[in-house]
């Protein structure tokens, strides 16, 4: 039996219907695993975080109010679960020096931007953890600087700084590989 994300499906989830729970998991597990992997960068931790997040989803399904898509609600739980794992690692977030300007309008040379997807993925993996987390949340998970700041319990300017430094470091890493 296939379920949609309609009222009946939501009621089955709230009643802990095994088939509905399985369908929800199968529908979202792969995408949410990718979120975990992008944030945590370790397969075993990503798998553990995914399982922990879905336990939270099923235990808290009564709190889902249909104000956003269920996928967005699950993604928020997954993201928060991963960030809790990172908080235990005590990530260091650096403020930007006052004399450095946050400018994204550096000259672009088209020859410098011809990189493979694998090169970019590897370079992202090489970013320092604080840079990588903010970069991934902003770039791939589409969170605002304010949301990132709130989730990571840092200032909004620190979130912006981390993103700026991540982009600069990413470009540096990619250019170094090209040479």
N, C-alpha and C. Protein backbone atom coordinates (compact mmCIF):
# COMPACT_ATOMS: atom_id res chain seq x y z
N UNK A 1 0.85 -1.18 0.00
CA UNK A 1 0.00 0.00 0.00
C UNK A 1 0.90 1.24 0.00
N UNK A 2 0.62 2.18 -0.89
CA UNK A 2 1.41 3.39 -0.97
C UNK A 2 0.65 4.53 -0.33
N UNK A 3 1.37 5.32 0.45
CA UNK A 3 0.76 6.45 1.13
C UNK A 3 1.23 7.74 0.52
N UNK A 4 0.40 8.76 0.55
CA UNK A 4 0.81 10.11 0.18
C UNK A 4 1.12 10.86 1.46
N UNK A 5 1.36 12.14 1.35
CA UNK A 5 1.59 12.92 2.57
C UNK A 5 0.32 13.67 2.93
N UNK A 6 -0.81 13.01 2.76
CA UNK A 6 -2.08 13.62 3.06
C UNK A 6 -2.47 13.38 4.52
N UNK A 7 -3.66 13.82 4.86
CA UNK A 7 -4.17 13.72 6.23
C UNK A 7 -4.24 12.27 6.72
N UNK A 8 -4.70 11.36 5.85
CA UNK A 8 -4.81 9.95 6.25
C UNK A 8 -3.44 9.35 6.56
N UNK A 9 -2.47 9.68 5.74
CA UNK A 9 -1.11 9.18 5.95
C UNK A 9 -0.54 9.72 7.26
N UNK A 10 -0.76 11.00 7.51
CA UNK A 10 -0.28 11.62 8.75
C UNK A 10 -0.94 10.96 9.96
N UNK A 11 -2.21 10.68 9.86
CA UNK A 11 -2.90 10.01 10.97
C UNK A 11 -2.32 8.61 11.21
N UNK A 12 -2.02 7.90 10.14
CA UNK A 12 -1.41 6.56 10.29
C UNK A 12 -0.04 6.68 10.96
N UNK A 13 0.72 7.70 10.60
CA UNK A 13 2.02 7.92 11.24
C UNK A 13 1.84 8.19 12.74
N UNK A 14 0.88 9.03 13.06
CA UNK A 14 0.64 9.38 14.46
C UNK A 14 0.14 8.18 15.27
N UNK A 15 -0.49 7.23 14.58
CA UNK A 15 -0.94 6.00 15.24
C UNK A 15 0.16 4.94 15.26
N UNK A 16 1.35 5.31 14.77
CA UNK A 16 2.53 4.42 14.72
C UNK A 16 2.29 3.20 13.83
N UNK A 17 1.52 3.40 12.76
CA UNK A 17 1.29 2.35 11.78
C UNK A 17 2.63 1.96 11.16
N UNK A 18 2.98 0.69 11.26
CA UNK A 18 4.30 0.20 10.82
C UNK A 18 4.52 0.46 9.33
N UNK A 19 3.52 0.19 8.51
CA UNK A 19 3.68 0.41 7.07
C UNK A 19 3.88 1.89 6.74
N UNK A 20 3.15 2.75 7.42
CA UNK A 20 3.28 4.18 7.18
C UNK A 20 4.67 4.66 7.60
N UNK A 21 5.13 4.20 8.76
CA UNK A 21 6.47 4.57 9.24
C UNK A 21 7.54 4.07 8.29
N UNK A 22 7.38 2.86 7.81
CA UNK A 22 8.35 2.30 6.87
C UNK A 22 8.36 3.10 5.58
N UNK A 23 7.19 3.45 5.08
CA UNK A 23 7.09 4.23 3.85
C UNK A 23 7.74 5.59 4.01
N UNK A 24 7.51 6.24 5.14
CA UNK A 24 8.13 7.55 5.39
C UNK A 24 9.65 7.42 5.41
N UNK A 25 10.12 6.40 6.10
CA UNK A 25 11.57 6.18 6.19
C UNK A 25 12.16 5.93 4.79
N UNK A 26 11.54 5.05 4.04
CA UNK A 26 12.04 4.73 2.70
C UNK A 26 12.00 5.95 1.77
N UNK A 27 11.00 6.78 1.96
CA UNK A 27 10.86 7.95 1.10
C UNK A 27 11.94 8.99 1.37
N UNK A 28 12.39 9.12 2.63
CA UNK A 28 13.30 10.20 2.99
C UNK A 28 14.69 9.77 3.44
N UNK A 29 14.91 8.52 3.70
CA UNK A 29 16.18 8.07 4.29
C UNK A 29 17.40 8.42 3.43
N UNK A 30 17.34 8.16 2.15
CA UNK A 30 18.51 8.43 1.30
C UNK A 30 18.88 9.91 1.28
N UNK A 31 17.90 10.76 1.08
CA UNK A 31 18.17 12.20 1.04
C UNK A 31 18.69 12.69 2.39
N UNK A 32 18.11 12.19 3.47
CA UNK A 32 18.52 12.63 4.80
C UNK A 32 19.90 12.07 5.17
N UNK A 33 20.21 10.89 4.67
CA UNK A 33 21.56 10.35 4.88
C UNK A 33 22.59 11.26 4.22
N UNK A 34 22.27 11.75 3.02
CA UNK A 34 23.18 12.66 2.34
C UNK A 34 23.38 13.95 3.13
N UNK A 35 22.33 14.45 3.76
CA UNK A 35 22.45 15.62 4.63
C UNK A 35 23.41 15.30 5.77
N UNK A 36 23.20 14.15 6.41
CA UNK A 36 24.07 13.73 7.52
C UNK A 36 25.52 13.62 7.07
N UNK A 37 25.73 13.01 5.94
CA UNK A 37 27.09 12.81 5.44
C UNK A 37 27.76 14.13 5.10
N UNK A 38 27.01 15.06 4.51
CA UNK A 38 27.59 16.37 4.20
C UNK A 38 27.99 17.11 5.46
N UNK A 39 27.20 16.99 6.50
CA UNK A 39 27.49 17.72 7.74
C UNK A 39 28.58 17.03 8.55
N UNK A 40 28.49 15.71 8.67
CA UNK A 40 29.38 14.98 9.58
C UNK A 40 30.66 14.45 8.92
N UNK A 41 30.60 14.17 7.63
CA UNK A 41 31.76 13.72 6.87
C UNK A 41 32.30 12.34 7.27
N UNK A 42 31.57 11.62 8.08
CA UNK A 42 31.99 10.27 8.48
C UNK A 42 30.80 9.34 8.30
N UNK A 43 31.01 8.26 7.55
CA UNK A 43 29.91 7.36 7.21
C UNK A 43 29.23 6.78 8.45
N UNK A 44 30.00 6.26 9.39
CA UNK A 44 29.41 5.63 10.57
C UNK A 44 28.62 6.65 11.40
N UNK A 45 29.19 7.84 11.56
CA UNK A 45 28.48 8.89 12.32
C UNK A 45 27.21 9.31 11.58
N UNK A 46 27.29 9.40 10.26
CA UNK A 46 26.12 9.78 9.47
C UNK A 46 25.02 8.74 9.61
N UNK A 47 25.38 7.47 9.57
CA UNK A 47 24.40 6.40 9.72
C UNK A 47 23.76 6.44 11.11
N UNK A 48 24.59 6.63 12.14
CA UNK A 48 24.07 6.72 13.51
C UNK A 48 23.14 7.92 13.67
N UNK A 49 23.56 9.06 13.13
CA UNK A 49 22.76 10.28 13.24
C UNK A 49 21.42 10.11 12.51
N UNK A 50 21.46 9.47 11.36
CA UNK A 50 20.23 9.24 10.61
C UNK A 50 19.25 8.40 11.42
N UNK A 51 19.75 7.33 12.01
CA UNK A 51 18.88 6.47 12.81
C UNK A 51 18.33 7.21 14.03
N UNK A 52 19.20 7.96 14.68
CA UNK A 52 18.77 8.74 15.85
C UNK A 52 17.71 9.77 15.44
N UNK A 53 17.93 10.41 14.29
CA UNK A 53 16.98 11.42 13.82
C UNK A 53 15.61 10.79 13.52
N UNK A 54 15.61 9.63 12.86
CA UNK A 54 14.32 9.01 12.55
C UNK A 54 13.61 8.50 13.81
N UNK A 55 14.36 8.11 14.80
CA UNK A 55 13.73 7.75 16.09
C UNK A 55 13.03 8.99 16.66
N UNK A 56 13.71 10.14 16.57
CA UNK A 56 13.11 11.40 17.03
C UNK A 56 11.87 11.74 16.20
N UNK A 57 11.97 11.53 14.88
CA UNK A 57 10.83 11.81 14.01
C UNK A 57 9.62 10.98 14.45
N UNK A 58 9.82 9.68 14.61
CA UNK A 58 8.70 8.81 14.96
C UNK A 58 8.20 9.05 16.39
N UNK A 59 9.11 9.38 17.30
CA UNK A 59 8.69 9.66 18.68
C UNK A 59 7.99 11.01 18.81
N UNK A 60 8.25 11.92 17.88
CA UNK A 60 7.69 13.27 17.97
C UNK A 60 6.71 13.60 16.85
N UNK A 61 6.25 12.61 16.13
CA UNK A 61 5.37 12.86 14.99
C UNK A 61 4.09 13.60 15.42
N UNK A 62 3.69 13.43 16.67
CA UNK A 62 2.51 14.14 17.18
C UNK A 62 2.71 15.66 17.14
N UNK A 63 3.97 16.10 17.18
CA UNK A 63 4.27 17.53 17.19
C UNK A 63 4.28 18.14 15.79
N UNK A 64 4.26 17.31 14.77
CA UNK A 64 4.23 17.83 13.40
C UNK A 64 2.89 18.50 13.16
N UNK A 65 2.93 19.77 12.78
CA UNK A 65 1.70 20.57 12.66
C UNK A 65 1.31 20.88 11.22
N UNK A 66 1.98 20.29 10.26
CA UNK A 66 1.64 20.49 8.85
C UNK A 66 1.81 21.95 8.41
N UNK A 67 2.72 22.69 9.11
CA UNK A 67 2.99 24.09 8.76
C UNK A 67 4.00 24.18 7.62
N UNK A 68 4.75 23.12 7.44
CA UNK A 68 5.70 23.01 6.34
C UNK A 68 5.58 21.57 5.84
N UNK A 69 6.32 21.26 4.78
CA UNK A 69 6.24 19.88 4.30
C UNK A 69 6.85 18.95 5.35
N UNK A 70 6.41 17.73 5.35
CA UNK A 70 6.97 16.77 6.31
C UNK A 70 8.45 16.55 6.04
N UNK A 71 8.85 16.65 4.77
CA UNK A 71 10.26 16.52 4.42
C UNK A 71 11.09 17.63 5.05
N UNK A 72 10.59 18.85 5.05
CA UNK A 72 11.30 19.97 5.70
C UNK A 72 11.39 19.76 7.20
N UNK A 73 10.33 19.27 7.78
CA UNK A 73 10.31 19.01 9.21
C UNK A 73 11.34 17.93 9.56
N UNK A 74 11.38 16.87 8.78
CA UNK A 74 12.35 15.79 9.00
C UNK A 74 13.76 16.33 8.81
N UNK A 75 13.98 17.12 7.78
CA UNK A 75 15.31 17.67 7.51
C UNK A 75 15.80 18.52 8.68
N UNK A 76 14.90 19.28 9.29
CA UNK A 76 15.28 20.09 10.44
C UNK A 76 15.71 19.20 11.60
N UNK A 77 15.00 18.12 11.83
CA UNK A 77 15.37 17.18 12.90
C UNK A 77 16.71 16.53 12.58
N UNK A 78 16.90 16.13 11.34
CA UNK A 78 18.16 15.51 10.92
C UNK A 78 19.32 16.49 11.10
N UNK A 79 19.12 17.70 10.63
CA UNK A 79 20.18 18.72 10.75
C UNK A 79 20.52 18.98 12.21
N UNK A 80 19.53 19.15 13.05
CA UNK A 80 19.78 19.39 14.47
C UNK A 80 20.48 18.22 15.13
N UNK A 81 20.12 17.01 14.75
CA UNK A 81 20.76 15.82 15.29
C UNK A 81 22.24 15.81 14.92
N UNK A 82 22.53 16.12 13.66
CA UNK A 82 23.93 16.17 13.21
C UNK A 82 24.70 17.27 13.91
N UNK A 83 24.06 18.43 14.07
CA UNK A 83 24.74 19.54 14.74
C UNK A 83 25.03 19.22 16.21
N UNK A 84 24.15 18.45 16.84
CA UNK A 84 24.42 18.01 18.21
C UNK A 84 25.66 17.13 18.27
N UNK A 85 25.84 16.28 17.26
CA UNK A 85 27.03 15.44 17.19
C UNK A 85 28.27 16.35 17.06
N UNK A 86 28.17 17.35 16.21
CA UNK A 86 29.30 18.26 16.01
C UNK A 86 29.60 19.08 17.26
N UNK A 87 28.57 19.47 17.98
CA UNK A 87 28.78 20.26 19.21
C UNK A 87 29.61 19.48 20.22
N UNK A 88 29.44 18.16 20.21
CA UNK A 88 30.23 17.32 21.11
C UNK A 88 31.70 17.33 20.72
N UNK A 89 31.96 17.62 19.42
CA UNK A 89 33.35 17.70 18.95
C UNK A 89 33.99 19.04 19.28
N UNK A 90 33.18 20.01 19.68
CA UNK A 90 33.66 21.36 20.01
C UNK A 90 34.36 22.02 18.82
N UNK A 91 33.61 22.30 17.80
CA UNK A 91 34.12 22.96 16.60
C UNK A 91 34.53 24.39 16.96
N UNK A 92 35.60 24.83 16.36
CA UNK A 92 36.07 26.20 16.56
C UNK A 92 35.63 27.05 15.38
N UNK A 93 34.93 28.13 15.69
CA UNK A 93 34.51 29.08 14.67
C UNK A 93 35.30 30.36 14.88
N UNK A 94 35.96 30.82 13.84
CA UNK A 94 36.80 32.00 13.92
C UNK A 94 36.08 33.23 13.40
N UNK A 95 36.24 34.34 14.15
CA UNK A 95 35.73 35.62 13.68
C UNK A 95 36.68 36.14 12.62
N UNK A 96 36.20 36.97 11.75
CA UNK A 96 37.02 37.57 10.70
C UNK A 96 37.78 38.76 11.27
N UNK A 97 39.02 38.92 10.86
CA UNK A 97 39.79 40.08 11.27
C UNK A 97 39.08 41.34 10.77
N UNK A 98 39.14 42.40 11.57
CA UNK A 98 38.45 43.64 11.20
C UNK A 98 38.96 44.23 9.89
N UNK A 99 40.23 43.97 9.54
CA UNK A 99 40.78 44.59 8.34
C UNK A 99 40.50 43.80 7.07
N UNK A 100 39.78 42.69 7.16
CA UNK A 100 39.44 41.90 5.98
C UNK A 100 38.01 42.21 5.58
N UNK A 101 37.81 42.52 4.31
CA UNK A 101 36.49 42.85 3.82
C UNK A 101 35.78 41.61 3.30
N UNK A 102 34.51 41.48 3.64
CA UNK A 102 33.71 40.36 3.14
C UNK A 102 33.22 40.70 1.74
N UNK A 103 34.01 40.37 0.75
CA UNK A 103 33.66 40.69 -0.62
C UNK A 103 33.71 39.43 -1.47
N UNK A 104 32.65 39.19 -2.18
CA UNK A 104 32.58 38.02 -3.05
C UNK A 104 32.86 38.41 -4.49
N UNK A 105 33.28 39.65 -4.70
CA UNK A 105 33.44 40.13 -6.07
C UNK A 105 34.89 40.11 -6.52
N UNK A 106 35.65 39.14 -6.03
CA UNK A 106 37.02 39.00 -6.49
C UNK A 106 36.99 38.67 -7.97
N UNK A 107 38.05 39.03 -8.67
CA UNK A 107 38.07 38.80 -10.11
C UNK A 107 37.96 37.31 -10.40
N UNK A 108 37.11 36.99 -11.32
CA UNK A 108 36.89 35.60 -11.71
C UNK A 108 37.58 35.35 -13.04
N UNK A 109 38.39 34.36 -13.08
CA UNK A 109 39.04 33.96 -14.32
C UNK A 109 38.40 32.65 -14.73
N UNK A 110 37.78 32.61 -15.88
CA UNK A 110 37.07 31.41 -16.31
C UNK A 110 37.97 30.19 -16.38
N UNK A 111 39.24 30.37 -16.65
CA UNK A 111 40.16 29.24 -16.68
C UNK A 111 40.34 28.64 -15.28
N UNK A 112 40.14 29.46 -14.25
CA UNK A 112 40.31 29.00 -12.88
C UNK A 112 39.09 28.24 -12.37
N UNK A 113 37.98 28.30 -13.05
CA UNK A 113 36.74 27.71 -12.53
C UNK A 113 36.34 26.43 -13.25
N UNK A 114 37.26 25.81 -13.95
CA UNK A 114 36.95 24.60 -14.69
C UNK A 114 37.38 23.38 -13.85
N UNK A 115 36.53 22.99 -12.89
CA UNK A 115 36.86 21.89 -11.98
C UNK A 115 35.80 20.81 -12.09
N UNK A 116 36.21 19.57 -11.87
CA UNK A 116 35.25 18.46 -11.89
C UNK A 116 34.47 18.44 -10.58
N UNK A 117 33.35 17.78 -10.60
CA UNK A 117 32.54 17.64 -9.39
C UNK A 117 33.34 16.91 -8.32
N UNK A 118 34.09 15.89 -8.72
CA UNK A 118 34.92 15.16 -7.75
C UNK A 118 35.96 16.06 -7.10
N UNK A 119 36.59 16.93 -7.90
CA UNK A 119 37.57 17.87 -7.35
C UNK A 119 36.92 18.78 -6.31
N UNK A 120 35.74 19.26 -6.62
CA UNK A 120 35.03 20.16 -5.71
C UNK A 120 34.64 19.41 -4.43
N UNK A 121 34.11 18.20 -4.57
CA UNK A 121 33.72 17.40 -3.39
C UNK A 121 34.92 17.16 -2.49
N UNK A 122 36.05 16.77 -3.10
CA UNK A 122 37.26 16.50 -2.31
C UNK A 122 37.75 17.75 -1.62
N UNK A 123 37.69 18.88 -2.30
CA UNK A 123 38.12 20.14 -1.69
C UNK A 123 37.21 20.52 -0.53
N UNK A 124 35.91 20.31 -0.68
CA UNK A 124 34.98 20.61 0.42
C UNK A 124 35.31 19.74 1.63
N UNK A 125 35.62 18.47 1.38
CA UNK A 125 35.97 17.55 2.47
C UNK A 125 37.25 18.00 3.19
N UNK A 126 38.13 18.70 2.49
CA UNK A 126 39.39 19.16 3.08
C UNK A 126 39.24 20.45 3.88
N UNK A 127 38.10 21.12 3.77
CA UNK A 127 37.90 22.36 4.51
C UNK A 127 37.94 22.07 6.02
N UNK A 128 38.45 23.02 6.80
CA UNK A 128 38.34 22.86 8.25
C UNK A 128 36.88 22.67 8.64
N UNK A 129 36.64 21.93 9.69
CA UNK A 129 35.28 21.52 10.04
C UNK A 129 34.32 22.70 10.19
N UNK A 130 34.72 23.74 10.88
CA UNK A 130 33.83 24.89 11.06
C UNK A 130 33.44 25.52 9.73
N UNK A 131 34.41 25.69 8.84
CA UNK A 131 34.13 26.24 7.52
C UNK A 131 33.17 25.33 6.77
N UNK A 132 33.48 24.02 6.78
CA UNK A 132 32.71 23.05 6.01
C UNK A 132 31.25 22.99 6.47
N UNK A 133 31.05 23.01 7.77
CA UNK A 133 29.68 22.92 8.30
C UNK A 133 28.86 24.12 7.83
N UNK A 134 29.40 25.31 8.00
CA UNK A 134 28.66 26.51 7.59
C UNK A 134 28.47 26.53 6.07
N UNK A 135 29.52 26.18 5.34
CA UNK A 135 29.43 26.15 3.87
C UNK A 135 28.33 25.19 3.42
N UNK A 136 28.30 23.99 3.97
CA UNK A 136 27.29 23.01 3.59
C UNK A 136 25.88 23.45 3.98
N UNK A 137 25.72 23.98 5.19
CA UNK A 137 24.40 24.43 5.62
C UNK A 137 23.88 25.56 4.74
N UNK A 138 24.76 26.47 4.36
CA UNK A 138 24.35 27.60 3.54
C UNK A 138 24.15 27.20 2.08
N UNK A 139 25.12 26.50 1.54
CA UNK A 139 25.14 26.21 0.10
C UNK A 139 24.21 25.07 -0.29
N UNK A 140 24.25 23.98 0.45
CA UNK A 140 23.50 22.79 0.06
C UNK A 140 22.17 22.63 0.79
N UNK A 141 22.13 23.07 2.04
CA UNK A 141 20.90 22.90 2.81
C UNK A 141 20.03 24.14 2.80
N UNK A 142 20.55 25.24 2.21
CA UNK A 142 19.79 26.46 1.97
C UNK A 142 19.31 27.17 3.24
N UNK A 143 20.12 27.14 4.30
CA UNK A 143 19.80 27.88 5.51
C UNK A 143 20.36 29.29 5.40
N UNK A 144 19.70 30.24 6.03
CA UNK A 144 20.19 31.63 6.04
C UNK A 144 21.30 31.76 7.09
N UNK A 145 22.03 32.88 7.03
CA UNK A 145 23.07 33.13 8.03
C UNK A 145 22.48 33.14 9.43
N UNK A 146 21.30 33.74 9.58
CA UNK A 146 20.66 33.81 10.89
C UNK A 146 20.30 32.41 11.39
N UNK A 147 19.73 31.59 10.51
CA UNK A 147 19.37 30.23 10.92
C UNK A 147 20.61 29.44 11.31
N UNK A 148 21.67 29.59 10.54
CA UNK A 148 22.92 28.88 10.85
C UNK A 148 23.47 29.34 12.19
N UNK A 149 23.45 30.64 12.40
CA UNK A 149 23.94 31.20 13.66
C UNK A 149 23.14 30.64 14.84
N UNK A 150 21.83 30.60 14.68
CA UNK A 150 20.98 30.07 15.75
C UNK A 150 21.26 28.59 16.00
N UNK A 151 21.38 27.81 14.93
CA UNK A 151 21.60 26.38 15.08
C UNK A 151 22.95 26.07 15.73
N UNK A 152 23.96 26.85 15.37
CA UNK A 152 25.32 26.58 15.86
C UNK A 152 25.66 27.38 17.12
N UNK A 153 24.70 28.22 17.55
CA UNK A 153 24.89 29.05 18.74
C UNK A 153 26.13 29.94 18.59
N UNK A 154 26.19 30.61 17.43
CA UNK A 154 27.24 31.57 17.14
C UNK A 154 26.57 32.85 16.65
N UNK A 155 27.34 33.92 16.53
CA UNK A 155 26.75 35.16 16.02
C UNK A 155 26.54 35.05 14.51
N UNK A 156 25.66 35.88 14.02
CA UNK A 156 25.40 35.89 12.58
C UNK A 156 26.65 36.33 11.82
N UNK A 157 27.41 37.25 12.40
CA UNK A 157 28.64 37.69 11.73
C UNK A 157 29.67 36.56 11.68
N UNK A 158 29.69 35.71 12.70
CA UNK A 158 30.59 34.56 12.67
C UNK A 158 30.17 33.59 11.57
N UNK A 159 28.87 33.40 11.41
CA UNK A 159 28.38 32.52 10.33
C UNK A 159 28.81 33.08 8.98
N UNK A 160 28.65 34.37 8.79
CA UNK A 160 29.06 35.00 7.53
C UNK A 160 30.56 34.88 7.33
N UNK A 161 31.31 35.08 8.39
CA UNK A 161 32.77 34.97 8.33
C UNK A 161 33.19 33.56 7.93
N UNK A 162 32.58 32.58 8.56
CA UNK A 162 32.92 31.18 8.25
C UNK A 162 32.64 30.87 6.78
N UNK A 163 31.52 31.37 6.26
CA UNK A 163 31.19 31.13 4.86
C UNK A 163 32.21 31.82 3.95
N UNK A 164 32.53 33.06 4.26
CA UNK A 164 33.50 33.80 3.46
C UNK A 164 34.85 33.07 3.44
N UNK A 165 35.31 32.67 4.62
CA UNK A 165 36.59 31.97 4.71
C UNK A 165 36.53 30.60 4.03
N UNK A 166 35.40 29.93 4.13
CA UNK A 166 35.25 28.63 3.48
C UNK A 166 35.36 28.77 1.97
N UNK A 167 34.69 29.77 1.41
CA UNK A 167 34.76 29.98 -0.04
C UNK A 167 36.17 30.32 -0.48
N UNK A 168 36.82 31.17 0.30
CA UNK A 168 38.20 31.56 -0.03
C UNK A 168 39.12 30.35 0.04
N UNK A 169 38.99 29.54 1.10
CA UNK A 169 39.82 28.35 1.27
C UNK A 169 39.51 27.32 0.18
N UNK A 170 38.26 27.17 -0.17
CA UNK A 170 37.86 26.23 -1.21
C UNK A 170 38.51 26.61 -2.54
N UNK A 171 38.46 27.87 -2.86
CA UNK A 171 39.09 28.34 -4.09
C UNK A 171 40.59 28.07 -4.06
N UNK A 172 41.19 28.35 -2.92
CA UNK A 172 42.64 28.11 -2.72
C UNK A 172 42.98 26.63 -2.94
N UNK A 173 42.18 25.75 -2.34
CA UNK A 173 42.41 24.31 -2.47
C UNK A 173 42.26 23.84 -3.92
N UNK A 174 41.23 24.34 -4.58
CA UNK A 174 40.98 23.94 -5.96
C UNK A 174 42.09 24.44 -6.89
N UNK A 175 42.51 25.66 -6.70
CA UNK A 175 43.58 26.21 -7.53
C UNK A 175 44.90 25.48 -7.30
N UNK A 176 45.14 25.08 -6.05
CA UNK A 176 46.37 24.35 -5.74
C UNK A 176 46.38 22.98 -6.43
N UNK A 177 45.23 22.36 -6.54
CA UNK A 177 45.14 21.05 -7.21
C UNK A 177 45.32 21.19 -8.71
N UNK A 178 44.93 22.33 -9.25
CA UNK A 178 45.00 22.55 -10.69
C UNK A 178 46.44 22.77 -11.14
N UNK A 179 47.28 23.27 -10.25
CA UNK A 179 48.67 23.58 -10.61
C UNK A 179 49.50 22.35 -10.76
